[in-house]
Amino acid sequence: METGLDIKHRAIVADKGYGSNANREVTRKAGAVPVIPYKSNRRDIPRHFAKALYRGRARIEQMMGKLKRFKRVALRCEKTARNFRSIVAIAATFILIKSVHTA
């Protein structure tokens, strides 16, 4: 959660593994809203939860998983940042084309 002094977060999005009261309190002290789902065995689960923000996190995580299926992206075979960005762009294009043609 520590990213730098000049960055102000509006929300911290994390999975259930970071759902402790201490993490939520640190997030609130930083001036951000914790978007962390509650574990099912917790007793005092509040009614409100920002599902839309959490869905965005899931989409990003799914896209990263799809990108890592490409060997050159997962193993970081490219030496320079420019070449790596190019390979990621090509992989993202393949993913986009596949999603359009299967829909």
Protein backbone atom coordinates (compact mmCIF):
# COMPACT_ATOMS: atom_id res chain seq x y z
CA MET A 1 0.00 0.00 0.00
CA GLU A 2 3.04 2.24 0.19
CA THR A 3 3.59 3.73 -3.26
CA GLY A 4 5.08 7.10 -2.52
CA LEU A 5 4.43 10.40 -0.82
CA ASP A 6 3.12 12.24 -3.86
CA ILE A 7 0.46 9.63 -4.76
CA LYS A 8 -2.99 9.92 -3.19
CA HIS A 9 -5.19 6.86 -3.55
CA ARG A 10 -8.95 7.05 -3.68
CA ALA A 11 -9.43 3.30 -3.28
CA ILE A 12 -7.29 0.28 -2.50
CA VAL A 13 -8.52 -2.86 -4.28
CA ALA A 14 -7.31 -6.22 -2.95
CA ASP A 15 -8.48 -9.79 -2.56
CA LYS A 16 -9.75 -11.57 0.56
CA GLY A 17 -6.25 -12.41 1.72
CA TYR A 18 -5.73 -8.75 2.65
CA GLY A 19 -9.07 -8.39 4.41
CA SER A 20 -7.78 -7.98 7.97
CA ASN A 21 -8.99 -5.11 10.13
CA ALA A 22 -5.43 -3.77 10.29
CA ASN A 23 -5.17 -3.50 6.49
CA ARG A 24 -8.56 -1.81 6.29
CA GLU A 25 -7.56 0.67 8.98
CA VAL A 26 -4.27 1.52 7.25
CA THR A 27 -6.21 2.11 4.03
CA ARG A 28 -8.67 4.44 5.76
CA LYS A 29 -5.86 6.37 7.47
CA ALA A 30 -4.30 6.92 4.06
CA GLY A 31 -7.55 8.57 2.96
CA ALA A 32 -8.67 5.76 0.67
CA VAL A 33 -11.65 3.43 0.60
CA PRO A 34 -10.79 -0.26 1.10
CA VAL A 35 -12.37 -2.38 -1.65
CA ILE A 36 -11.63 -5.75 -0.11
CA PRO A 37 -14.30 -8.46 0.03
CA TYR A 38 -15.09 -9.91 3.41
CA LYS A 39 -14.42 -13.56 4.19
CA SER A 40 -17.52 -15.69 4.44
CA ASN A 41 -16.79 -16.74 8.03
CA ARG A 42 -16.64 -13.16 9.34
CA ARG A 43 -19.40 -12.23 11.77
CA ASP A 44 -19.96 -8.52 11.16
CA ILE A 45 -20.15 -8.18 7.37
CA PRO A 46 -21.33 -4.71 6.27
CA ARG A 47 -24.00 -4.48 3.60
CA HIS A 48 -22.20 -2.09 1.26
CA PHE A 49 -19.38 -3.32 -0.97
CA ALA A 50 -18.09 -1.64 -4.16
CA LYS A 51 -18.64 -4.57 -6.53
CA ALA A 52 -18.02 -2.53 -9.67
CA LEU A 53 -14.49 -1.58 -8.57
CA TYR A 54 -13.74 -5.15 -7.56
CA ARG A 55 -14.96 -6.46 -10.93
CA GLY A 56 -12.46 -4.13 -12.60
CA ARG A 57 -9.68 -5.73 -10.57
CA ALA A 58 -10.84 -9.17 -11.67
CA ARG A 59 -10.82 -8.13 -15.33
CA ILE A 60 -7.26 -6.85 -15.05
CA GLU A 61 -6.15 -10.04 -13.33
CA GLN A 62 -7.80 -12.17 -16.02
CA MET A 63 -6.09 -10.17 -18.78
CA MET A 64 -2.71 -10.60 -17.10
CA GLY A 65 -3.34 -14.34 -16.94
CA LYS A 66 -4.13 -14.41 -20.65
CA LEU A 67 -0.99 -12.41 -21.46
CA LYS A 68 1.15 -14.80 -19.45
CA ARG A 69 0.03 -17.68 -21.66
CA PHE A 70 2.36 -16.23 -24.28
CA LYS A 71 5.78 -17.65 -23.56
CA ARG A 72 7.75 -14.57 -24.59
CA VAL A 73 5.71 -12.40 -22.23
CA ALA A 74 5.79 -14.82 -19.28
CA LEU A 75 9.54 -15.46 -19.50
CA ARG A 76 10.42 -11.86 -20.41
CA CYS A 77 12.58 -13.02 -23.31
CA GLU A 78 12.91 -9.51 -24.71
CA LYS A 79 15.87 -7.55 -23.39
CA THR A 80 14.75 -3.98 -24.00
CA ALA A 81 11.60 -2.27 -22.72
CA ARG A 82 10.62 -1.25 -26.25
CA ASN A 83 10.74 -4.83 -27.52
CA PHE A 84 8.87 -6.13 -24.48
CA ARG A 85 6.11 -3.55 -25.00
CA SER A 86 5.89 -4.62 -28.63
CA ILE A 87 5.49 -8.30 -27.71
CA VAL A 88 2.82 -7.40 -25.13
CA ALA A 89 0.99 -5.35 -27.77
CA ILE A 90 1.10 -8.24 -30.24
CA ALA A 91 -0.15 -10.68 -27.59
CA ALA A 92 -2.96 -8.29 -26.59
CA THR A 93 -3.92 -7.98 -30.27
CA PHE A 94 -4.14 -11.76 -30.61
CA ILE A 95 -6.30 -11.92 -27.46
CA LEU A 96 -8.59 -9.19 -28.80
CA ILE A 97 -8.96 -10.87 -32.18
CA LYS A 98 -9.75 -14.19 -30.55
CA SER A 99 -12.38 -12.63 -28.28
CA VAL A 100 -14.06 -10.84 -31.22
CA HIS A 101 -14.19 -13.91 -33.45
CA THR A 102 -15.53 -16.26 -30.76
CA ALA A 103 -18.34 -13.95 -29.66
